[in-house]
Amino acid sequence: YRALILGTLGLGLVGLTFYYGARRVLKPFVGGWSQLIRTMDSYDLRHNGPRVVLIGGGIGTAQLIRGFRDLASRLSVIVHMTDEGGSTGRLRRALGTPAFGDIVSNIVALSDSEDLLKQLLLYRFEGDRYGKDTDLGGHKLGNLLFAAMADITGDLNRAIEQVGQVFAVRGQVIPVTQDKVFLRARTVDGLIVEGEEKIDLGDYEGAKILEEIWYEPKEARVDPQAIEAIEQADIIILGPGDLYTTILATVIFPQLAEAMARSQAFKAYITNVANKPFETKGYELDDFIEAFKRHRVERIFDYIFVNSNHEIAIPVSPEYEGYSFVKFNQEAVEAKGYQVVAGDYLESYMGGVEGKGVSIYHDPAKIVQAIMTKYDSIYGKNKS
């Protein structure tokens, strides 16, 4: 039964590869000269642009991809592999698969394929996403496709490559490790919390304040492709994303942190626009730095980009309970050896409370422009 389902999904992907591959080859010519010129201009930017590595893999990373897609000569995303929530967690328990969730999200963000295909990857079957592990209801189709391809190829990177060909991925998604790892945390009370989802949602007793995280098994190895991407990068960006369950969950691998520390690339950390209640409640920028220090990875970046626009009030509603903007003391942070690049990076949109709207995400165009301006001022536009 399992083999039949996975095999059928795999064969479907092969067929889609041939069909949409032909369409992509012809696409620049279908729209006439204007479309062809835009395609050539975009190719020139990507050919001469910097090699960019984004680290994290969550929603914040997917947002950032939108800003870098047409600027980077090579865009690589290193994704954490400890997700245990929803469809991903159910597949991990039922089939022993890796954590596909953020891989799927970033494949979609990097994809040049038609919107219908992107919707296909993100399609969720009707039902409870937290239902029984063996039920189909609530599962994301993209996770099932990856489970099929990983089973067929026997290798996660090969599965990512094959799916990437089908969905015209412009870039590379790299799991930080191919080993099956699970996240653990210790709170300030000394309580041990097991599992990424419990850590992220504060599903445990006592003070909801995290002191330290680690992965098990501790002998898990970094994917060599991740190290290679770091070593060849011109720009390395951490975040934005959940500090403990996304960013630190990726960079606490010693081999990766050492490679980042050695790198001569432009290395920056993008602080979240707002704090989440169960990971960084009430944190200021200095608290983020202290968290990196407690995990012995405080010297893997030199620049910190932080949003300074706090004018739109976060709504007083259950959805945003415990959220707050990240405040910062620029002089105090720079005294620790970092350079702070503050600015209005907030994404805004109409709607929401009293028609003003609220966004707790970065505007991809704003933050990427700030990064490239700083990068060009240091290395010059022709470094790459």
Protein backbone atom coordinates (compact mmCIF):
# COMPACT_ATOMS: atom_id res chain seq x y z
CA TYR A 1 0.00 0.00 0.00
CA ARG A 2 2.73 2.43 1.01
CA ALA A 3 4.90 1.43 -1.97
CA LEU A 4 1.98 1.89 -4.38
CA ILE A 5 1.23 5.42 -3.14
CA LEU A 6 4.87 6.52 -3.12
CA GLY A 7 5.55 4.93 -6.49
CA THR A 8 2.55 6.61 -8.11
CA LEU A 9 3.58 10.00 -6.77
CA GLY A 10 7.13 9.46 -8.02
CA LEU A 11 6.01 8.52 -11.55
CA GLY A 12 3.75 11.56 -11.61
CA LEU A 13 6.73 13.78 -10.83
CA VAL A 14 8.73 12.26 -13.69
CA GLY A 15 5.92 13.05 -16.15
CA LEU A 16 5.65 16.60 -14.88
CA THR A 17 9.41 17.03 -15.34
CA PHE A 18 9.21 16.40 -19.11
CA TYR A 19 6.03 18.42 -19.66
CA TYR A 20 6.97 21.55 -17.76
CA GLY A 21 10.60 21.36 -18.82
CA ALA A 22 9.52 21.91 -22.43
CA ARG A 23 7.24 24.78 -21.41
CA ARG A 24 10.07 26.53 -19.53
CA VAL A 25 12.37 26.37 -22.56
CA LEU A 26 9.76 28.09 -24.74
CA LYS A 27 8.40 30.51 -22.13
CA PRO A 28 10.75 33.50 -22.83
CA PHE A 29 9.69 33.51 -26.51
CA VAL A 30 5.95 33.32 -25.93
CA GLY A 31 5.59 36.88 -24.60
CA GLY A 32 7.35 38.56 -27.51
CA TRP A 33 10.43 40.79 -27.47
CA SER A 34 9.59 42.56 -24.19
CA GLN A 35 9.39 39.27 -22.30
CA LEU A 36 12.61 38.06 -23.91
CA ILE A 37 14.45 41.29 -22.95
CA ARG A 38 13.23 41.05 -19.33
CA THR A 39 14.41 37.46 -19.19
CA MET A 40 17.86 38.42 -20.54
CA ASP A 41 18.19 41.33 -18.08
CA SER A 42 17.31 39.05 -15.17
CA TYR A 43 19.82 36.48 -16.39
CA ASP A 44 22.57 39.12 -16.54
CA LEU A 45 21.91 40.20 -12.94
CA ARG A 46 21.98 36.61 -11.72
CA HIS A 47 25.11 35.79 -13.74
CA ASN A 48 27.13 38.67 -12.25
CA GLY A 49 25.59 38.87 -8.79
CA PRO A 50 26.96 37.63 -5.47
CA ARG A 51 26.69 34.07 -4.21
CA VAL A 52 24.19 34.25 -1.37
CA VAL A 53 23.49 31.78 1.42
CA LEU A 54 20.37 32.14 3.59
CA ILE A 55 20.26 30.24 6.87
CA GLY A 56 17.11 29.22 8.72
CA GLY A 57 14.38 28.00 6.42
CA GLY A 58 11.19 29.30 8.01
CA ILE A 59 8.67 31.87 6.77
CA GLY A 60 11.22 34.66 7.20
CA THR A 61 13.66 32.92 4.88
CA ALA A 62 10.99 32.31 2.27
CA GLN A 63 10.18 36.04 2.39
CA LEU A 64 13.86 36.92 1.95
CA ILE A 65 14.17 34.67 -1.10
CA ARG A 66 11.71 36.93 -2.92
CA GLY A 67 14.15 39.82 -2.58
CA PHE A 68 17.30 37.92 -3.60
CA ARG A 69 15.94 35.77 -6.45
CA ASP A 70 16.87 38.17 -9.25
CA LEU A 71 20.10 39.46 -7.68
CA ALA A 72 22.15 36.42 -6.70
CA SER A 73 24.31 34.47 -9.12
CA ARG A 74 23.71 31.51 -6.84
CA LEU A 75 21.15 31.39 -4.05
CA SER A 76 21.44 28.63 -1.46
CA VAL A 77 19.15 28.05 1.51
CA ILE A 78 20.36 25.97 4.47
CA VAL A 79 17.31 24.60 6.29
CA HIS A 80 16.97 23.37 9.85
CA MET A 81 15.74 19.77 10.15
CA THR A 82 14.07 19.57 13.56
CA ASP A 83 10.47 20.48 12.61
CA GLU A 84 7.96 18.17 14.31
CA GLY A 85 4.67 20.00 13.84
CA GLY A 86 1.61 19.26 11.70
CA SER A 87 2.00 17.17 8.55
CA THR A 88 5.80 17.06 8.85
CA GLY A 89 5.69 15.68 12.37
CA ARG A 90 3.09 13.05 11.47
CA LEU A 91 5.22 11.79 8.55
CA ARG A 92 8.31 11.69 10.76
CA ARG A 93 6.50 9.50 13.26
CA ALA A 94 4.62 7.31 10.75
CA LEU A 95 7.31 6.76 8.10
CA GLY A 96 10.52 7.88 9.77
CA THR A 97 11.05 10.56 7.12
CA PRO A 98 13.18 13.71 7.48
CA ALA A 99 11.51 17.05 8.26
CA PHE A 100 10.23 18.16 4.85
CA GLY A 101 8.07 21.14 5.85
CA ASP A 102 10.49 24.03 5.46
CA ILE A 103 12.15 22.35 2.47
CA VAL A 104 8.80 22.49 0.67
CA SER A 105 8.19 26.14 1.61
CA ASN A 106 11.57 27.22 0.28
CA ILE A 107 11.25 25.15 -2.88
CA VAL A 108 8.04 27.07 -3.59
CA ALA A 109 9.74 30.42 -2.88
CA LEU A 110 12.61 29.54 -5.26
CA SER A 111 10.36 28.13 -7.96
CA ASP A 112 9.92 29.69 -11.40
CA SER A 113 7.10 27.30 -12.23
CA GLU A 114 3.51 28.28 -12.86
CA ASP A 115 1.32 29.24 -9.92
CA LEU A 116 -0.77 26.11 -10.30
CA LEU A 117 2.27 23.93 -9.64
CA LYS A 118 3.22 25.98 -6.59
CA GLN A 119 -0.32 25.60 -5.28
CA LEU A 120 0.04 21.87 -5.84
CA LEU A 121 3.04 21.68 -3.51
CA LEU A 122 1.28 23.70 -0.82
CA TYR A 123 -2.07 21.93 -1.18
CA ARG A 124 -3.33 20.48 2.08
CA PHE A 125 -5.83 17.65 2.11
CA GLU A 126 -9.04 18.34 3.99
CA GLY A 127 -8.86 17.18 7.57
CA ASP A 128 -6.99 17.78 10.80
CA ARG A 129 -3.31 18.62 10.22
CA TYR A 130 -2.71 17.28 13.73
CA GLY A 131 -4.79 14.13 13.16
CA LYS A 132 -3.71 10.51 13.31
CA ASP A 133 -0.23 9.93 11.93
CA THR A 134 -1.47 7.36 9.42
CA ASP A 135 -4.44 9.37 8.08
CA LEU A 136 -4.25 11.26 4.78
CA GLY A 137 -6.41 14.16 5.97
CA GLY A 138 -4.53 17.33 6.89
CA HIS A 139 -1.34 16.36 5.09
CA LYS A 140 0.43 18.78 2.76
CA LEU A 141 0.87 17.29 -0.72
CA GLY A 142 4.41 18.67 -0.99
CA ASN A 143 5.44 16.67 2.06
CA LEU A 144 4.00 13.50 0.52
CA LEU A 145 5.79 14.16 -2.79
CA PHE A 146 9.09 14.52 -0.97
CA ALA A 147 8.42 11.36 1.02
CA ALA A 148 7.88 9.55 -2.29
CA MET A 149 10.96 10.95 -3.99
CA ALA A 150 13.20 10.38 -0.96
CA ASP A 151 11.99 6.77 -0.85
CA ILE A 152 12.63 6.31 -4.58
CA THR A 153 16.08 7.94 -4.66
CA GLY A 154 17.23 6.83 -1.21
CA ASP A 155 18.90 10.21 -0.73
CA LEU A 156 17.39 13.47 0.53
CA ASN A 157 19.60 15.77 -1.56
CA ARG A 158 18.83 13.72 -4.67
CA ALA A 159 15.12 14.01 -3.87
CA ILE A 160 15.42 17.79 -3.50
CA GLU A 161 17.28 17.97 -6.82
CA GLN A 162 14.63 15.94 -8.65
CA VAL A 163 11.71 17.90 -7.24
CA GLY A 164 13.61 21.11 -7.97
CA GLN A 165 13.83 20.18 -11.65
CA VAL A 166 10.10 19.61 -11.84
CA PHE A 167 9.30 22.94 -10.19
CA ALA A 168 11.98 25.02 -11.97
CA VAL A 169 13.81 25.92 -8.79
CA ARG A 170 16.22 28.83 -9.18
CA GLY A 171 18.67 28.07 -6.40
CA GLN A 172 19.52 25.29 -3.98
CA VAL A 173 17.82 24.06 -0.82
CA ILE A 174 20.21 22.23 1.51
CA PRO A 175 19.25 20.36 4.70
CA VAL A 176 21.70 21.26 7.45
CA THR A 177 21.93 17.52 8.15
CA GLN A 178 20.63 14.35 6.57
CA ASP A 179 20.63 12.60 9.93
CA LYS A 180 17.33 12.32 11.79
CA VAL A 181 17.67 14.88 14.56
CA PHE A 182 15.36 16.04 17.34
CA LEU A 183 15.47 19.28 19.28
CA ARG A 184 15.80 19.53 23.04
CA ALA A 185 15.73 22.60 25.31
CA ARG A 186 16.46 23.60 28.89
CA THR A 187 14.48 26.41 30.53
CA VAL A 188 15.75 28.82 33.19
CA ASP A 189 13.99 26.53 35.71
CA GLY A 190 16.16 23.62 34.61
CA LEU A 191 13.24 21.82 32.93
CA ILE A 192 14.12 19.68 29.89
CA VAL A 193 11.67 20.09 27.00
CA GLU A 194 11.68 17.47 24.24
CA GLY A 195 10.54 18.31 20.72
CA GLU A 196 10.57 21.37 18.46
CA GLU A 197 6.82 21.85 18.56
CA LYS A 198 6.59 21.85 22.37
CA ILE A 199 9.50 24.29 22.57
CA ASP A 200 7.98 26.65 19.99
CA LEU A 201 4.45 26.62 21.45
CA GLY A 202 5.49 26.72 25.11
CA ASP A 203 3.77 23.40 25.74
CA TYR A 204 5.44 22.71 29.08
CA GLU A 205 5.20 23.69 32.74
CA GLY A 206 7.07 26.41 34.61
CA ALA A 207 8.67 29.61 33.30
CA LYS A 208 8.41 29.84 29.54
CA ILE A 209 11.95 31.18 29.26
CA LEU A 210 14.54 29.22 27.30
CA GLU A 211 18.15 28.93 28.38
CA GLU A 212 19.69 26.49 25.91
CA ILE A 213 18.83 24.16 23.04
CA TRP A 214 20.65 21.20 21.50
CA TYR A 215 19.96 18.42 19.04
CA GLU A 216 20.01 14.67 19.51
CA PRO A 217 21.79 12.55 18.55
CA LYS A 218 24.76 14.80 19.27
CA GLU A 219 26.93 12.95 16.76
CA ALA A 220 24.72 14.10 13.86
CA ARG A 221 26.78 15.40 10.94
CA VAL A 222 26.40 18.52 8.85
CA ASP A 223 25.56 17.95 5.20
CA PRO A 224 28.81 18.56 3.22
CA GLN A 225 26.85 20.67 0.71
CA ALA A 226 26.06 23.14 3.50
CA ILE A 227 29.75 23.57 4.32
CA GLU A 228 30.59 23.96 0.63
CA ALA A 229 27.92 26.65 0.19
CA ILE A 230 29.29 28.57 3.20
CA GLU A 231 32.87 28.37 1.95
CA GLN A 232 31.95 29.69 -1.51
CA ALA A 233 29.52 32.42 -0.37
CA ASP A 234 29.94 36.17 -0.84
CA ILE A 235 26.97 36.96 1.42
CA ILE A 236 25.70 34.87 4.36
CA ILE A 237 22.43 35.86 6.04
CA LEU A 238 20.96 34.41 9.22
CA GLY A 239 17.26 34.95 9.77
CA PRO A 240 14.79 36.32 10.13
CA GLY A 241 13.13 33.45 11.96
CA ASP A 242 12.43 31.94 15.36
CA LEU A 243 15.62 32.39 17.34
CA TYR A 244 15.77 29.00 19.07
CA THR A 245 13.79 26.58 16.90
CA THR A 246 14.95 27.87 13.51
CA ILE A 247 18.15 29.95 13.62
CA LEU A 248 20.05 28.43 16.54
CA ALA A 249 18.69 24.97 15.63
CA THR A 250 20.66 25.35 12.39
CA VAL A 251 23.89 27.05 13.43
CA ILE A 252 24.65 25.10 16.63
CA PHE A 253 26.21 22.34 14.52
CA PRO A 254 29.90 22.91 15.34
CA GLN A 255 31.13 22.21 11.80
CA LEU A 256 28.74 24.79 10.35
CA ALA A 257 29.55 27.44 12.97
CA GLU A 258 33.29 26.93 12.41
CA ALA A 259 32.87 27.30 8.65
CA MET A 260 30.93 30.51 9.16
CA ALA A 261 33.52 31.91 11.56
CA ARG A 262 36.29 31.21 8.99
CA SER A 263 34.38 32.74 6.09
CA GLN A 264 35.45 36.13 4.75
CA ALA A 265 31.98 36.72 3.32
CA PHE A 266 29.64 39.56 4.28
CA LYS A 267 27.90 37.97 7.28
CA ALA A 268 24.74 39.42 8.78
CA TYR A 269 21.93 38.55 11.15
CA ILE A 270 18.42 39.92 10.55
CA THR A 271 16.61 40.33 13.85
CA ASN A 272 12.91 39.52 13.89
CA VAL A 273 10.49 42.43 13.63
CA ALA A 274 8.63 41.17 16.71
CA ASN A 275 9.13 38.80 19.61
CA LYS A 276 7.11 35.59 19.93
CA PRO A 277 5.71 34.79 23.37
CA PHE A 278 7.34 31.40 23.98
CA GLU A 279 10.79 31.91 22.45
CA THR A 280 11.86 35.51 22.90
CA LYS A 281 9.15 37.21 24.95
CA GLY A 282 10.28 40.71 25.89
CA TYR A 283 13.69 40.29 24.24
CA GLU A 284 15.72 43.31 23.20
CA LEU A 285 18.49 43.06 20.63
CA ASP A 286 21.09 42.53 23.34
CA ASP A 287 19.18 39.46 24.56
CA PHE A 288 19.39 37.91 21.09
CA ILE A 289 23.16 38.40 21.14
CA GLU A 290 23.41 36.83 24.58
CA ALA A 291 21.50 33.78 23.31
CA PHE A 292 24.03 33.35 20.50
CA LYS A 293 26.79 33.71 23.10
CA ARG A 294 25.31 31.02 25.38
CA HIS A 295 25.45 28.66 22.39
CA ARG A 296 29.04 29.69 21.57
CA VAL A 297 28.15 31.02 18.11
CA GLU A 298 28.22 34.77 18.77
CA ARG A 299 30.99 35.43 16.23
CA ILE A 300 29.41 33.96 13.12
CA PHE A 301 28.13 37.35 11.90
CA ASP A 302 29.41 40.93 11.88
CA TYR A 303 26.37 43.00 10.93
CA ILE A 304 22.92 43.14 12.48
CA PHE A 305 19.93 44.48 10.57
CA VAL A 306 17.12 45.60 12.86
CA ASN A 307 13.77 47.21 12.10
CA SER A 308 13.31 50.65 13.64
CA ASN A 309 9.70 51.27 12.55
CA HIS A 310 7.50 50.65 15.59
CA GLU A 311 4.76 53.11 14.63
CA ILE A 312 2.05 50.57 13.77
CA ALA A 313 0.77 49.16 17.04
CA ILE A 314 0.55 45.39 17.38
CA PRO A 315 -3.16 44.56 17.87
CA VAL A 316 -4.50 43.61 21.27
CA SER A 317 -5.98 40.26 20.25
CA PRO A 318 -5.44 36.56 21.06
CA GLU A 319 -3.55 36.08 17.79
CA TYR A 320 -0.88 38.58 18.83
CA GLU A 321 -0.88 37.98 22.58
CA GLY A 322 2.65 38.23 23.95
CA TYR A 323 4.09 39.80 20.79
CA SER A 324 6.22 42.96 21.02
CA PHE A 325 8.57 44.88 18.76
CA VAL A 326 12.28 44.19 19.26
CA LYS A 327 13.88 47.24 20.90
CA PHE A 328 17.58 47.98 20.70
CA ASN A 329 20.36 50.17 22.07
CA GLN A 330 22.63 50.67 19.08
CA GLU A 331 25.62 52.00 21.02
CA ALA A 332 25.56 49.12 23.51
CA VAL A 333 25.39 46.51 20.75
CA GLU A 334 28.13 48.12 18.67
CA ALA A 335 30.34 48.23 21.78
CA LYS A 336 30.30 44.41 21.56
CA GLY A 337 31.90 44.50 18.13
CA TYR A 338 28.87 44.37 15.83
CA GLN A 339 27.70 46.97 13.34
CA VAL A 340 23.99 47.72 13.58
CA VAL A 341 22.13 48.71 10.41
CA ALA A 342 18.78 50.05 11.58
CA GLY A 343 15.99 51.09 9.24
CA ASP A 344 12.34 50.85 8.31
CA TYR A 345 12.20 47.27 7.03
CA LEU A 346 8.58 46.63 7.98
CA GLU A 347 6.22 45.16 5.42
CA SER A 348 2.93 47.06 5.48
CA TYR A 349 -0.43 46.39 3.89
CA MET A 350 -4.00 47.63 4.11
CA GLY A 351 -6.71 45.86 6.04
CA GLY A 352 -6.65 44.53 9.57
CA VAL A 353 -7.39 46.67 12.61
CA GLU A 354 -9.11 49.97 11.66
CA GLY A 355 -7.91 49.60 8.09
CA LYS A 356 -4.26 50.11 9.07
CA GLY A 357 -3.08 46.55 8.79
CA VAL A 358 -0.30 44.90 10.72
CA SER A 359 2.66 42.91 9.52
CA ILE A 360 5.29 41.25 11.67
CA TYR A 361 7.39 40.40 8.62
CA HIS A 362 10.15 42.21 6.78
CA ASP A 363 9.51 43.75 3.39
CA PRO A 364 11.76 41.66 1.10
CA ALA A 365 12.61 44.59 -1.18
CA LYS A 366 13.48 46.94 1.69
CA ILE A 367 15.69 44.56 3.64
CA VAL A 368 17.50 43.18 0.59
CA GLN A 369 18.16 46.70 -0.70
CA ALA A 370 19.67 47.61 2.67
CA ILE A 371 21.84 44.48 2.64
CA MET A 372 23.06 45.07 -0.92
CA THR A 373 23.77 48.76 -0.22
CA LYS A 374 25.93 47.85 2.76
CA TYR A 375 27.59 44.99 0.87
CA ASP A 376 28.41 47.21 -2.14
CA SER A 377 29.80 49.95 0.12
CA ILE A 378 32.28 47.46 1.59
CA TYR A 379 33.18 45.19 -1.30
CA GLY A 380 32.17 47.23 -4.34
CA LYS A 381 29.64 46.25 -6.98
CA ASN A 382 32.17 44.29 -9.02
CA LYS A 383 33.42 41.93 -6.30
CA SER A 384 31.50 38.99 -7.68
